[in-house]
C-alpha atoms as a PDB file:
ATOM      1  CA  UNK A   1      -0.080   0.254  -0.788  1.00  0.00           C
ATOM      2  CA  UNK A   2       1.977   3.289  -0.917  1.00  0.00           C
ATOM      3  CA  UNK A   3       5.191   2.031   0.135  1.00  0.00           C
ATOM      4  CA  UNK A   4       3.457   0.733   3.353  1.00  0.00           C
ATOM      5  CA  UNK A   5       1.938  -2.523   4.921  1.00  0.00           C
ATOM      6  CA  UNK A   6      -1.764  -2.680   5.765  1.00  0.00           C
ATOM      7  CA  UNK A   7      -3.046  -5.096   8.519  1.00  0.00           C
ATOM      8  CA  UNK A   8      -6.113  -6.154   7.450  1.00  0.00           C
ATOM      9  CA  UNK A   9      -8.605  -8.461   9.953  1.00  0.00           C
ATOM     10  CA  UNK A  10     -11.789  -9.723   8.489  1.00  0.00           C
ATOM     11  CA  UNK A  11     -11.464  -8.026   5.761  1.00  0.00           C
ATOM     12  CA  UNK A  12     -11.302  -4.835   7.340  1.00  0.00           C
ATOM     13  CA  UNK A  13      -8.658  -2.915   6.937  1.00  0.00           C
ATOM     14  CA  UNK A  14      -7.254  -1.364  10.648  1.00  0.00           C
ATOM     15  CA  UNK A  15      -3.988  -0.345  10.612  1.00  0.00           C
ATOM     16  CA  UNK A  16      -1.107   0.737   8.542  1.00  0.00           C
ATOM     17  CA  UNK A  17       2.878   0.810   9.341  1.00  0.00           C
ATOM     18  CA  UNK A  18       4.514   3.491   8.361  1.00  0.00           C
ATOM     19  CA  UNK A  19       8.071   3.940   7.672  1.00  0.00           C
ATOM     20  CA  UNK A  20       9.625   6.406   5.059  1.00  0.00           C
ATOM     21  CA  UNK A  21      12.634   9.264   4.821  1.00  0.00           C
ATOM     22  CA  UNK A  22       9.416  11.662   3.401  1.00  0.00           C
ATOM     23  CA  UNK A  23       6.874  13.054   5.818  1.00  0.00           C
ATOM     24  CA  UNK A  24       8.754  11.470   8.835  1.00  0.00           C
ATOM     25  CA  UNK A  25       6.158  12.864  10.964  1.00  0.00           C
ATOM     26  CA  UNK A  26       4.089  10.523   9.900  1.00  0.00           C
ATOM     27  CA  UNK A  27       5.929   7.079  10.526  1.00  0.00           C
ATOM     28  CA  UNK A  28       4.187   5.206  12.881  1.00  0.00           C
ATOM     29  CA  UNK A  29       1.210   2.894  13.228  1.00  0.00           C
ATOM     30  CA  UNK A  30      -2.080   4.660  11.386  1.00  0.00           C
ATOM     31  CA  UNK A  31      -5.774   3.542  13.211  1.00  0.00           C
ATOM     32  CA  UNK A  32      -8.238   3.391  11.375  1.00  0.00           C
ATOM     33  CA  UNK A  33     -10.766   5.343  13.528  1.00  0.00           C
ATOM     34  CA  UNK A  34     -14.378   7.198  13.181  1.00  0.00           C
ATOM     35  CA  UNK A  35     -13.734  10.873  14.358  1.00  0.00           C
ATOM     36  CA  UNK A  36     -16.231  10.166  16.455  1.00  0.00           C
ATOM     37  CA  UNK A  37     -14.283   8.071  19.102  1.00  0.00           C
ATOM     38  CA  UNK A  38     -10.920  10.371  18.772  1.00  0.00           C
ATOM     39  CA  UNK A  39     -11.573  12.116  22.467  1.00  0.00           C
ATOM     40  CA  UNK A  40     -12.059   8.856  24.403  1.00  0.00           C
ATOM     41  CA  UNK A  41      -8.974   7.373  22.189  1.00  0.00           C
ATOM     42  CA  UNK A  42      -6.929  10.353  22.945  1.00  0.00           C
ATOM     43  CA  UNK A  43      -7.280   9.146  26.384  1.00  0.00           C
ATOM     44  CA  UNK A  44      -5.975   5.793  25.614  1.00  0.00           C
ATOM     45  CA  UNK A  45      -3.548   7.053  23.291  1.00  0.00           C
ATOM     46  CA  UNK A  46      -2.485  10.486  24.221  1.00  0.00           C
ATOM     47  CA  UNK A  47       0.629  10.521  21.517  1.00  0.00           C
ATOM     48  CA  UNK A  48      -1.987   9.895  18.987  1.00  0.00           C
ATOM     49  CA  UNK A  49      -2.402  12.984  16.341  1.00  0.00           C
ATOM     50  CA  UNK A  50      -3.532  13.143  12.279  1.00  0.00           C
ATOM     51  CA  UNK A  51      -1.869  12.355   9.407  1.00  0.00           C
ATOM     52  CA  UNK A  52       0.020  15.897   8.456  1.00  0.00           C
ATOM     53  CA  UNK A  53       0.024  14.594   5.240  1.00  0.00           C
ATOM     54  CA  UNK A  54      -3.758  14.449   4.917  1.00  0.00           C
ATOM     55  CA  UNK A  55      -3.821  18.278   5.351  1.00  0.00           C
ATOM     56  CA  UNK A  56      -5.037  20.518   7.609  1.00  0.00           C
ATOM     57  CA  UNK A  57      -8.094  19.474   9.802  1.00  0.00           C
ATOM     58  CA  UNK A  58      -8.434  15.942  11.687  1.00  0.00           C
ATOM     59  CA  UNK A  59      -8.622  13.153   9.240  1.00  0.00           C
ATOM     60  CA  UNK A  60     -10.560   9.740  10.212  1.00  0.00           C
ATOM     61  CA  UNK A  61      -6.670   7.925  10.466  1.00  0.00           C
ATOM     62  CA  UNK A  62      -4.998   8.851  13.351  1.00  0.00           C
ATOM     63  CA  UNK A  63      -1.258   8.354  13.565  1.00  0.00           C
ATOM     64  CA  UNK A  64       0.815   6.219  16.506  1.00  0.00           C
ATOM     65  CA  UNK A  65       4.293   7.851  15.882  1.00  0.00           C
ATOM     66  CA  UNK A  66       6.957   5.717  16.078  1.00  0.00           C
ATOM     67  CA  UNK A  67       8.701   8.837  18.186  1.00  0.00           C
ATOM     68  CA  UNK A  68       6.392   8.504  20.744  1.00  0.00           C
ATOM     69  CA  UNK A  69       8.204   7.040  24.442  1.00  0.00           C
ATOM     70  CA  UNK A  70       5.234   4.688  24.429  1.00  0.00           C
ATOM     71  CA  UNK A  71       4.516   3.992  21.022  1.00  0.00           C
ATOM     72  CA  UNK A  72       5.340   0.020  21.816  1.00  0.00           C
ATOM     73  CA  UNK A  73       3.087   0.114  24.187  1.00  0.00           C
ATOM     74  CA  UNK A  74       0.428   2.433  22.100  1.00  0.00           C
ATOM     75  CA  UNK A  75       0.888   0.033  19.421  1.00  0.00           C
ATOM     76  CA  UNK A  76      -0.031  -2.985  21.835  1.00  0.00           C
ATOM     77  CA  UNK A  77      -3.076  -1.751  22.994  1.00  0.00           C
ATOM     78  CA  UNK A  78      -4.127  -0.821  19.937  1.00  0.00           C
ATOM     79  CA  UNK A  79      -3.556  -4.375  18.871  1.00  0.00           C
ATOM     80  CA  UNK A  80      -5.404  -5.774  21.821  1.00  0.00           C
ATOM     81  CA  UNK A  81      -8.670  -3.736  21.173  1.00  0.00           C
ATOM     82  CA  UNK A  82      -8.626  -4.800  17.792  1.00  0.00           C
ATOM     83  CA  UNK A  83      -8.843  -8.228  18.886  1.00  0.00           C
ATOM     84  CA  UNK A  84     -11.252  -7.576  21.227  1.00  0.00           C
ATOM     85  CA  UNK A  85     -13.454  -5.892  18.144  1.00  0.00           C
ATOM     86  CA  UNK A  86     -13.312  -2.325  20.834  1.00  0.00           C
ATOM     87  CA  UNK A  87     -15.557  -0.463  18.337  1.00  0.00           C
ATOM     88  CA  UNK A  88     -13.790   2.621  18.981  1.00  0.00           C
ATOM     89  CA  UNK A  89     -10.688   0.799  16.596  1.00  0.00           C
END
């Protein structure tokens, strides 16, 4: 997927893994979610942010940045939520 790796569960894209030289700010794990879940997810993932390369404003896709101090822990939590079929993720 455009030089990234997409992760699907039951035929639904749930994550994109990105590590590129261009737009390094957007490297990390992208979460496929809806904007109505952003506030509650931000409490779980304080480092979560919108993807800059999509332009100004908030996108449904959110980024767990690779350079965050809690990156690995956040990604594991997101994966656990996906496996539990959490509606926020």
